[in-house]
């Protein structure tokens, strides 16, 4: 496998994980019969964004880097808020 092929695999894997979060949210909402965002959505968002950010850094694409970097912060913050809410419930 060439270096370029490896980076394409990382990029496509990131995109697949990132897309998977929407599939998860859709199926979970169908199961609950209402619009719901499961915690797994945020984990898939974070993983997909981290992979895509890594790929964007390799590609040296500042637009992609800023977009994925900011999104990563939002996903981390949402997970922090969820964890805080869970602690308050206990």
PDB file of N, CA and C in Angstrom:
ATOM      1  N   UNK A   1       0.859  -1.176   0.000  1.00  0.00           N
ATOM      2  CA  UNK A   1       0.000   0.000   0.000  1.00  0.00           C
ATOM      3  C   UNK A   1       0.905   1.240   0.000  1.00  0.00           C
ATOM      4  N   UNK A   2       0.620   2.152  -0.896  1.00  0.00           N
ATOM      5  CA  UNK A   2       1.422   3.369  -0.958  1.00  0.00           C
ATOM      6  C   UNK A   2       0.980   4.349   0.124  1.00  0.00           C
ATOM      7  N   UNK A   3       1.818   5.315   0.381  1.00  0.00           N
ATOM      8  CA  UNK A   3       1.497   6.347   1.383  1.00  0.00           C
ATOM      9  C   UNK A   3       0.224   7.095   0.985  1.00  0.00           C
ATOM     10  N   UNK A   4       0.109   7.424  -0.293  1.00  0.00           N
ATOM     11  CA  UNK A   4      -1.074   8.144  -0.766  1.00  0.00           C
ATOM     12  C   UNK A   4      -2.341   7.307  -0.593  1.00  0.00           C
ATOM     13  N   UNK A   5      -2.249   6.017  -0.863  1.00  0.00           N
ATOM     14  CA  UNK A   5      -3.396   5.124  -0.672  1.00  0.00           C
ATOM     15  C   UNK A   5      -3.798   5.062   0.792  1.00  0.00           C
ATOM     16  N   UNK A   6      -2.818   5.007   1.683  1.00  0.00           N
ATOM     17  CA  UNK A   6      -3.102   4.998   3.123  1.00  0.00           C
ATOM     18  C   UNK A   6      -3.878   6.252   3.527  1.00  0.00           C
ATOM     19  N   UNK A   7      -3.456   7.408   3.023  1.00  0.00           N
ATOM     20  CA  UNK A   7      -4.146   8.649   3.359  1.00  0.00           C
ATOM     21  C   UNK A   7      -5.557   8.679   2.775  1.00  0.00           C
ATOM     22  N   UNK A   8      -5.739   8.123   1.612  1.00  0.00           N
ATOM     23  CA  UNK A   8      -7.090   8.034   1.054  1.00  0.00           C
ATOM     24  C   UNK A   8      -7.966   7.123   1.899  1.00  0.00           C
ATOM     25  N   UNK A   9      -7.405   6.024   2.388  1.00  0.00           N
ATOM     26  CA  UNK A   9      -8.153   5.121   3.274  1.00  0.00           C
ATOM     27  C   UNK A   9      -8.558   5.866   4.539  1.00  0.00           C
ATOM     28  N   UNK A  10      -7.650   6.637   5.127  1.00  0.00           N
ATOM     29  CA  UNK A  10      -7.968   7.420   6.331  1.00  0.00           C
ATOM     30  C   UNK A  10      -9.075   8.426   6.023  1.00  0.00           C
ATOM     31  N   UNK A  11      -8.969   9.111   4.905  1.00  0.00           N
ATOM     32  CA  UNK A  11      -9.992  10.086   4.524  1.00  0.00           C
ATOM     33  C   UNK A  11     -11.353   9.453   4.310  1.00  0.00           C
ATOM     34  N   UNK A  12     -11.382   8.350   3.571  1.00  0.00           N
ATOM     35  CA  UNK A  12     -12.655   7.668   3.339  1.00  0.00           C
ATOM     36  C   UNK A  12     -13.217   7.048   4.624  1.00  0.00           C
ATOM     37  N   UNK A  13     -12.349   6.535   5.482  1.00  0.00           N
ATOM     38  CA  UNK A  13     -12.817   5.979   6.763  1.00  0.00           C
ATOM     39  C   UNK A  13     -13.448   7.083   7.609  1.00  0.00           C
ATOM     40  N   UNK A  14     -12.797   8.225   7.657  1.00  0.00           N
ATOM     41  CA  UNK A  14     -13.359   9.354   8.399  1.00  0.00           C
ATOM     42  C   UNK A  14     -14.713   9.763   7.860  1.00  0.00           C
ATOM     43  N   UNK A  15     -14.826   9.815   6.538  1.00  0.00           N
ATOM     44  CA  UNK A  15     -16.100  10.193   5.929  1.00  0.00           C
ATOM     45  C   UNK A  15     -17.171   9.143   6.199  1.00  0.00           C
ATOM     46  N   UNK A  16     -16.802   7.870   6.168  1.00  0.00           N
ATOM     47  CA  UNK A  16     -17.759   6.794   6.445  1.00  0.00           C
ATOM     48  C   UNK A  16     -18.263   6.864   7.888  1.00  0.00           C
ATOM     49  N   UNK A  17     -17.358   7.081   8.835  1.00  0.00           N
ATOM     50  CA  UNK A  17     -17.758   7.197  10.244  1.00  0.00           C
ATOM     51  C   UNK A  17     -18.638   8.427  10.426  1.00  0.00           C
ATOM     52  N   UNK A  18     -18.244   9.530   9.811  1.00  0.00           N
ATOM     53  CA  UNK A  18     -19.000  10.773   9.931  1.00  0.00           C
ATOM     54  C   UNK A  18     -20.412  10.608   9.370  1.00  0.00           C
ATOM     55  N   UNK A  19     -20.543   9.910   8.246  1.00  0.00           N
ATOM     56  CA  UNK A  19     -21.852   9.639   7.658  1.00  0.00           C
ATOM     57  C   UNK A  19     -22.639   8.660   8.523  1.00  0.00           C
ATOM     58  N   UNK A  20     -21.946   7.710   9.137  1.00  0.00           N
ATOM     59  CA  UNK A  20     -22.591   6.730   9.999  1.00  0.00           C
ATOM     60  C   UNK A  20     -23.348   7.345  11.161  1.00  0.00           C
ATOM     61  N   UNK A  21     -22.905   8.505  11.603  1.00  0.00           N
ATOM     62  CA  UNK A  21     -23.592   9.157  12.727  1.00  0.00           C
ATOM     63  C   UNK A  21     -25.008   9.560  12.339  1.00  0.00           C
ATOM     64  N   UNK A  22     -25.198   9.975  11.082  1.00  0.00           N
ATOM     65  CA  UNK A  22     -26.535  10.333  10.629  1.00  0.00           C
ATOM     66  C   UNK A  22     -27.420   9.106  10.506  1.00  0.00           C
ATOM     67  N   UNK A  23     -26.858   8.016  10.052  1.00  0.00           N
ATOM     68  CA  UNK A  23     -27.606   6.758   9.951  1.00  0.00           C
ATOM     69  C   UNK A  23     -28.024   6.308  11.352  1.00  0.00           C
ATOM     70  N   UNK A  24     -27.099   6.376  12.312  1.00  0.00           N
ATOM     71  CA  UNK A  24     -27.405   6.019  13.701  1.00  0.00           C
ATOM     72  C   UNK A  24     -28.545   6.879  14.236  1.00  0.00           C
ATOM     73  N   UNK A  25     -28.457   8.185  14.044  1.00  0.00           N
ATOM     74  CA  UNK A  25     -29.481   9.089  14.558  1.00  0.00           C
ATOM     75  C   UNK A  25     -30.829   8.800  13.912  1.00  0.00           C
ATOM     76  N   UNK A  26     -30.838   8.571  12.621  1.00  0.00           N
ATOM     77  CA  UNK A  26     -32.075   8.286  11.905  1.00  0.00           C
ATOM     78  C   UNK A  26     -32.719   7.000  12.409  1.00  0.00           C
ATOM     79  N   UNK A  27     -31.934   5.913  12.480  1.00  0.00           N
ATOM     80  CA  UNK A  27     -32.480   4.632  12.919  1.00  0.00           C
ATOM     81  C   UNK A  27     -32.936   4.689  14.380  1.00  0.00           C
ATOM     82  N   UNK A  28     -32.159   5.362  15.237  1.00  0.00           N
ATOM     83  CA  UNK A  28     -32.530   5.485  16.650  1.00  0.00           C
ATOM     84  C   UNK A  28     -33.830   6.278  16.793  1.00  0.00           C
ATOM     85  N   UNK A  29     -33.969   7.338  16.009  1.00  0.00           N
ATOM     86  CA  UNK A  29     -35.200   8.130  16.049  1.00  0.00           C
ATOM     87  C   UNK A  29     -36.392   7.319  15.552  1.00  0.00           C
ATOM     88  N   UNK A  30     -36.187   6.525  14.518  1.00  0.00           N
ATOM     89  CA  UNK A  30     -37.265   5.661  14.026  1.00  0.00           C
ATOM     90  C   UNK A  30     -37.671   4.665  15.108  1.00  0.00           C
ATOM     91  N   UNK A  31     -36.681   4.108  15.808  1.00  0.00           N
ATOM     92  CA  UNK A  31     -36.948   3.152  16.880  1.00  0.00           C
ATOM     93  C   UNK A  31     -37.750   3.811  18.008  1.00  0.00           C
ATOM     94  N   UNK A  32     -37.373   5.039  18.370  1.00  0.00           N
ATOM     95  CA  UNK A  32     -38.050   5.764  19.458  1.00  0.00           C
ATOM     96  C   UNK A  32     -39.338   6.452  18.995  1.00  0.00           C
ATOM     97  N   UNK A  33     -39.526   6.523  17.671  1.00  0.00           N
ATOM     98  CA  UNK A  33     -40.689   7.163  17.066  1.00  0.00           C
ATOM     99  C   UNK A  33     -40.763   8.654  17.389  1.00  0.00           C
ATOM    100  N   UNK A  34     -39.583   9.259  17.578  1.00  0.00           N
ATOM    101  CA  UNK A  34     -39.455  10.708  17.767  1.00  0.00           C
ATOM    102  C   UNK A  34     -38.000  11.070  17.474  1.00  0.00           C
ATOM    103  N   UNK A  35     -37.761  12.326  17.210  1.00  0.00           N
ATOM    104  CA  UNK A  35     -36.395  12.755  16.891  1.00  0.00           C
ATOM    105  C   UNK A  35     -35.530  12.764  18.152  1.00  0.00           C
ATOM    106  N   UNK A  36     -34.483  11.943  18.136  1.00  0.00           N
ATOM    107  CA  UNK A  36     -33.587  11.800  19.278  1.00  0.00           C
ATOM    108  C   UNK A  36     -32.148  11.766  18.773  1.00  0.00           C
ATOM    109  N   UNK A  37     -31.249  12.375  19.540  1.00  0.00           N
ATOM    110  CA  UNK A  37     -29.823  12.286  19.216  1.00  0.00           C
ATOM    111  C   UNK A  37     -29.173  11.431  20.298  1.00  0.00           C
ATOM    112  N   UNK A  38     -28.811  10.190  19.974  1.00  0.00           N
ATOM    113  CA  UNK A  38     -28.181   9.314  20.967  1.00  0.00           C
ATOM    114  C   UNK A  38     -26.734   9.740  21.231  1.00  0.00           C
ATOM    115  N   UNK A  39     -26.203   9.362  22.382  1.00  0.00           N
ATOM    116  CA  UNK A  39     -24.831   9.703  22.751  1.00  0.00           C
ATOM    117  C   UNK A  39     -23.843   9.175  21.711  1.00  0.00           C
ATOM    118  N   UNK A  40     -24.137   8.017  21.131  1.00  0.00           N
ATOM    119  CA  UNK A  40     -23.264   7.453  20.105  1.00  0.00           C
ATOM    120  C   UNK A  40     -23.066   8.386  18.919  1.00  0.00           C
ATOM    121  N   UNK A  41     -24.054   9.228  18.645  1.00  0.00           N
ATOM    122  CA  UNK A  41     -23.938  10.218  17.573  1.00  0.00           C
ATOM    123  C   UNK A  41     -22.735  11.122  17.810  1.00  0.00           C
ATOM    124  N   UNK A  42     -22.567  11.554  19.064  1.00  0.00           N
ATOM    125  CA  UNK A  42     -21.468  12.470  19.390  1.00  0.00           C
ATOM    126  C   UNK A  42     -20.123  11.757  19.337  1.00  0.00           C
ATOM    127  N   UNK A  43     -20.088  10.488  19.731  1.00  0.00           N
ATOM    128  CA  UNK A  43     -18.833   9.730  19.637  1.00  0.00           C
ATOM    129  C   UNK A  43     -18.443   9.488  18.177  1.00  0.00           C
ATOM    130  N   UNK A  44     -19.417   9.135  17.355  1.00  0.00           N
ATOM    131  CA  UNK A  44     -19.124   8.963  15.926  1.00  0.00           C
ATOM    132  C   UNK A  44     -18.721  10.294  15.294  1.00  0.00           C
ATOM    133  N   UNK A  45     -19.363  11.380  15.718  1.00  0.00           N
ATOM    134  CA  UNK A  45     -19.000  12.704  15.221  1.00  0.00           C
ATOM    135  C   UNK A  45     -17.550  13.018  15.564  1.00  0.00           C
ATOM    136  N   UNK A  46     -17.183  12.745  16.798  1.00  0.00           N
ATOM    137  CA  UNK A  46     -15.827  13.038  17.257  1.00  0.00           C
ATOM    138  C   UNK A  46     -14.802  12.185  16.511  1.00  0.00           C
ATOM    139  N   UNK A  47     -15.053  10.900  16.377  1.00  0.00           N
ATOM    140  CA  UNK A  47     -14.123  10.007  15.688  1.00  0.00           C
ATOM    141  C   UNK A  47     -14.005  10.365  14.208  1.00  0.00           C
ATOM    142  N   UNK A  48     -15.146  10.553  13.558  1.00  0.00           N
ATOM    143  CA  UNK A  48     -15.128  10.917  12.142  1.00  0.00           C
ATOM    144  C   UNK A  48     -14.432  12.249  11.918  1.00  0.00           C
ATOM    145  N   UNK A  49     -14.708  13.216  12.781  1.00  0.00           N
ATOM    146  CA  UNK A  49     -14.083  14.525  12.661  1.00  0.00           C
ATOM    147  C   UNK A  49     -12.576  14.450  12.888  1.00  0.00           C
ATOM    148  N   UNK A  50     -12.151  13.652  13.865  1.00  0.00           N
ATOM    149  CA  UNK A  50     -10.717  13.510  14.131  1.00  0.00           C
ATOM    150  C   UNK A  50     -10.001  12.878  12.936  1.00  0.00           C
ATOM    151  N   UNK A  51     -10.608  11.869  12.340  1.00  0.00           N
ATOM    152  CA  UNK A  51     -10.013  11.244  11.149  1.00  0.00           C
ATOM    153  C   UNK A  51      -9.967  12.225   9.977  1.00  0.00           C
ATOM    154  N   UNK A  52     -11.060  12.946   9.774  1.00  0.00           N
ATOM    155  CA  UNK A  52     -11.095  13.916   8.688  1.00  0.00           C
ATOM    156  C   UNK A  52     -10.143  15.078   8.943  1.00  0.00           C
ATOM    157  N   UNK A  53      -9.997  15.493  10.202  1.00  0.00           N
ATOM    158  CA  UNK A  53      -9.044  16.548  10.540  1.00  0.00           C
ATOM    159  C   UNK A  53      -7.619  16.094  10.239  1.00  0.00           C
ATOM    160  N   UNK A  54      -7.315  14.860  10.594  1.00  0.00           N
ATOM    161  CA  UNK A  54      -5.993  14.298  10.303  1.00  0.00           C
ATOM    162  C   UNK A  54      -5.733  14.314   8.791  1.00  0.00           C
ATOM    163  N   UNK A  55      -6.732  13.898   8.039  1.00  0.00           N
ATOM    164  CA  UNK A  55      -6.616  13.890   6.577  1.00  0.00           C
ATOM    165  C   UNK A  55      -6.459  15.316   6.039  1.00  0.00           C
ATOM    166  N   UNK A  56      -7.226  16.261   6.580  1.00  0.00           N
ATOM    167  CA  UNK A  56      -7.152  17.655   6.129  1.00  0.00           C
ATOM    168  C   UNK A  56      -5.781  18.262   6.424  1.00  0.00           C
ATOM    169  N   UNK A  57      -5.207  17.909   7.570  1.00  0.00           N
ATOM    170  CA  UNK A  57      -3.872  18.396   7.905  1.00  0.00           C
ATOM    171  C   UNK A  57      -2.860  17.843   6.911  1.00  0.00           C
ATOM    172  N   UNK A  58      -2.975  16.569   6.600  1.00  0.00           N
ATOM    173  CA  UNK A  58      -2.090  15.967   5.609  1.00  0.00           C
ATOM    174  C   UNK A  58      -2.224  16.687   4.259  1.00  0.00           C
ATOM    175  N   UNK A  59      -3.447  16.994   3.877  1.00  0.00           N
ATOM    176  CA  UNK A  59      -3.710  17.665   2.604  1.00  0.00           C
ATOM    177  C   UNK A  59      -3.388  19.159   2.665  1.00  0.00           C
ATOM    178  N   UNK A  60      -3.158  19.676   3.861  1.00  0.00           N
ATOM    179  CA  UNK A  60      -2.867  21.091   4.087  1.00  0.00           C
ATOM    180  C   UNK A  60      -3.988  21.977   3.545  1.00  0.00           C
ATOM    181  N   UNK A  61      -5.212  21.591   3.886  1.00  0.00           N
ATOM    182  CA  UNK A  61      -6.401  22.311   3.423  1.00  0.00           C
ATOM    183  C   UNK A  61      -6.939  23.155   4.584  1.00  0.00           C
ATOM    184  N   UNK A  62      -6.648  24.460   4.610  1.00  0.00           N
ATOM    185  CA  UNK A  62      -7.033  25.284   5.757  1.00  0.00           C
ATOM    186  C   UNK A  62      -8.540  25.377   5.971  1.00  0.00           C
ATOM    187  N   UNK A  63      -9.322  25.366   4.917  1.00  0.00           N
ATOM    188  CA  UNK A  63     -10.782  25.431   5.066  1.00  0.00           C
ATOM    189  C   UNK A  63     -11.294  24.173   5.768  1.00  0.00           C
ATOM    190  N   UNK A  64     -10.829  23.033   5.320  1.00  0.00           N
ATOM    191  CA  UNK A  64     -11.202  21.735   5.890  1.00  0.00           C
ATOM    192  C   UNK A  64     -10.683  21.618   7.331  1.00  0.00           C
ATOM    193  N   UNK A  65      -9.477  22.094   7.580  1.00  0.00           N
ATOM    194  CA  UNK A  65      -8.881  22.039   8.924  1.00  0.00           C
ATOM    195  C   UNK A  65      -9.707  22.856   9.911  1.00  0.00           C
ATOM    196  N   UNK A  66     -10.055  24.078   9.530  1.00  0.00           N
ATOM    197  CA  UNK A  66     -10.834  24.941  10.430  1.00  0.00           C
ATOM    198  C   UNK A  66     -12.216  24.350  10.668  1.00  0.00           C
ATOM    199  N   UNK A  67     -12.857  23.866   9.614  1.00  0.00           N
ATOM    200  CA  UNK A  67     -14.196  23.288   9.757  1.00  0.00           C
ATOM    201  C   UNK A  67     -14.216  22.073  10.659  1.00  0.00           C
ATOM    202  N   UNK A  68     -13.303  21.142  10.447  1.00  0.00           N
ATOM    203  CA  UNK A  68     -13.267  19.926  11.259  1.00  0.00           C
ATOM    204  C   UNK A  68     -12.753  20.211  12.668  1.00  0.00           C
ATOM    205  N   UNK A  69     -11.809  21.131  12.777  1.00  0.00           N
ATOM    206  CA  UNK A  69     -11.285  21.486  14.106  1.00  0.00           C
ATOM    207  C   UNK A  69     -12.364  22.097  14.985  1.00  0.00           C
ATOM    208  N   UNK A  70     -13.153  23.000  14.419  1.00  0.00           N
ATOM    209  CA  UNK A  70     -14.236  23.612  15.185  1.00  0.00           C
ATOM    210  C   UNK A  70     -15.297  22.580  15.541  1.00  0.00           C
ATOM    211  N   UNK A  71     -15.652  21.744  14.565  1.00  0.00           N
ATOM    212  CA  UNK A  71     -16.641  20.700  14.837  1.00  0.00           C
ATOM    213  C   UNK A  71     -16.203  19.780  15.952  1.00  0.00           C
ATOM    214  N   UNK A  72     -14.928  19.427  15.968  1.00  0.00           N
ATOM    215  CA  UNK A  72     -14.394  18.554  17.017  1.00  0.00           C
ATOM    216  C   UNK A  72     -14.600  19.170  18.397  1.00  0.00           C
ATOM    217  N   UNK A  73     -14.395  20.476  18.512  1.00  0.00           N
ATOM    218  CA  UNK A  73     -14.624  21.162  19.794  1.00  0.00           C
ATOM    219  C   UNK A  73     -16.095  21.086  20.208  1.00  0.00           C
ATOM    220  N   UNK A  74     -16.985  21.265  19.250  1.00  0.00           N
ATOM    221  CA  UNK A  74     -18.425  21.201  19.538  1.00  0.00           C
ATOM    222  C   UNK A  74     -18.815  19.809  20.012  1.00  0.00           C
ATOM    223  N   UNK A  75     -18.294  18.769  19.357  1.00  0.00           N
ATOM    224  CA  UNK A  75     -18.640  17.399  19.737  1.00  0.00           C
ATOM    225  C   UNK A  75     -18.102  17.066  21.123  1.00  0.00           C
ATOM    226  N   UNK A  76     -16.887  17.502  21.403  1.00  0.00           N
ATOM    227  CA  UNK A  76     -16.307  17.275  22.737  1.00  0.00           C
ATOM    228  C   UNK A  76     -17.126  17.988  23.808  1.00  0.00           C
ATOM    229  N   UNK A  77     -17.554  19.207  23.525  1.00  0.00           N
ATOM    230  CA  UNK A  77     -18.350  19.969  24.487  1.00  0.00           C
ATOM    231  C   UNK A  77     -19.695  19.290  24.736  1.00  0.00           C
ATOM    232  N   UNK A  78     -20.329  18.787  23.695  1.00  0.00           N
ATOM    233  CA  UNK A  78     -21.598  18.091  23.885  1.00  0.00           C
ATOM    234  C   UNK A  78     -21.424  16.855  24.766  1.00  0.00           C
ATOM    235  N   UNK A  79     -20.350  16.110  24.558  1.00  0.00           N
ATOM    236  CA  UNK A  79     -20.096  14.935  25.407  1.00  0.00           C
ATOM    237  C   UNK A  79     -19.833  15.360  26.846  1.00  0.00           C
ATOM    238  N   UNK A  80     -19.152  16.483  27.030  1.00  0.00           N
ATOM    239  CA  UNK A  80     -18.910  16.996  28.383  1.00  0.00           C
ATOM    240  C   UNK A  80     -20.237  17.375  29.054  1.00  0.00           C
ATOM    241  N   UNK A  81     -21.112  18.036  28.329  1.00  0.00           N
ATOM    242  CA  UNK A  81     -22.416  18.417  28.878  1.00  0.00           C
ATOM    243  C   UNK A  81     -23.253  17.187  29.223  1.00  0.00           C
ATOM    244  N   UNK A  82     -23.213  16.177  28.381  1.00  0.00           N
ATOM    245  CA  UNK A  82     -23.956  14.935  28.643  1.00  0.00           C
ATOM    246  C   UNK A  82     -23.414  14.268  29.902  1.00  0.00           C
ATOM    247  N   UNK A  83     -22.096  14.199  30.044  1.00  0.00           N
ATOM    248  CA  UNK A  83     -21.490  13.581  31.223  1.00  0.00           C
ATOM    249  C   UNK A  83     -21.865  14.352  32.490  1.00  0.00           C
ATOM    250  N   UNK A  84     -21.840  15.662  32.407  1.00  0.00           N
ATOM    251  CA  UNK A  84     -22.211  16.493  33.569  1.00  0.00           C
ATOM    252  C   UNK A  84     -23.667  16.257  33.952  1.00  0.00           C
ATOM    253  N   UNK A  85     -24.526  16.159  32.970  1.00  0.00           N
ATOM    254  CA  UNK A  85     -25.949  15.929  33.227  1.00  0.00           C
ATOM    255  C   UNK A  85     -26.140  14.545  33.886  1.00  0.00           C
ATOM    256  N   UNK A  86     -25.409  13.544  33.423  1.00  0.00           N
ATOM    257  CA  UNK A  86     -25.501  12.200  34.007  1.00  0.00           C
ATOM    258  C   UNK A  86     -25.053  12.202  35.457  1.00  0.00           C
ATOM    259  N   UNK A  87     -23.999  12.965  35.773  1.00  0.00           N
ATOM    260  CA  UNK A  87     -23.502  13.046  37.153  1.00  0.00           C
ATOM    261  C   UNK A  87     -24.547  13.695  38.064  1.00  0.00           C
ATOM    262  N   UNK A  88     -25.244  14.715  37.558  1.00  0.00           N
ATOM    263  CA  UNK A  88     -26.249  15.409  38.354  1.00  0.00           C
ATOM    264  C   UNK A  88     -27.448  14.507  38.635  1.00  0.00           C
ATOM    265  N   UNK A  89     -27.744  13.577  37.743  1.00  0.00           N
ATOM    266  CA  UNK A  89     -28.879  12.685  37.920  1.00  0.00           C
ATOM    267  C   UNK A  89     -28.599  11.639  38.999  1.00  0.00           C
ATOM    268  N   UNK A  90     -27.316  11.342  39.235  1.00  0.00           N
ATOM    269  CA  UNK A  90     -26.969  10.267  40.183  1.00  0.00           C
ATOM    270  C   UNK A  90     -26.982  10.731  41.597  1.00  0.00           C
TER     271      UNK A  90
END
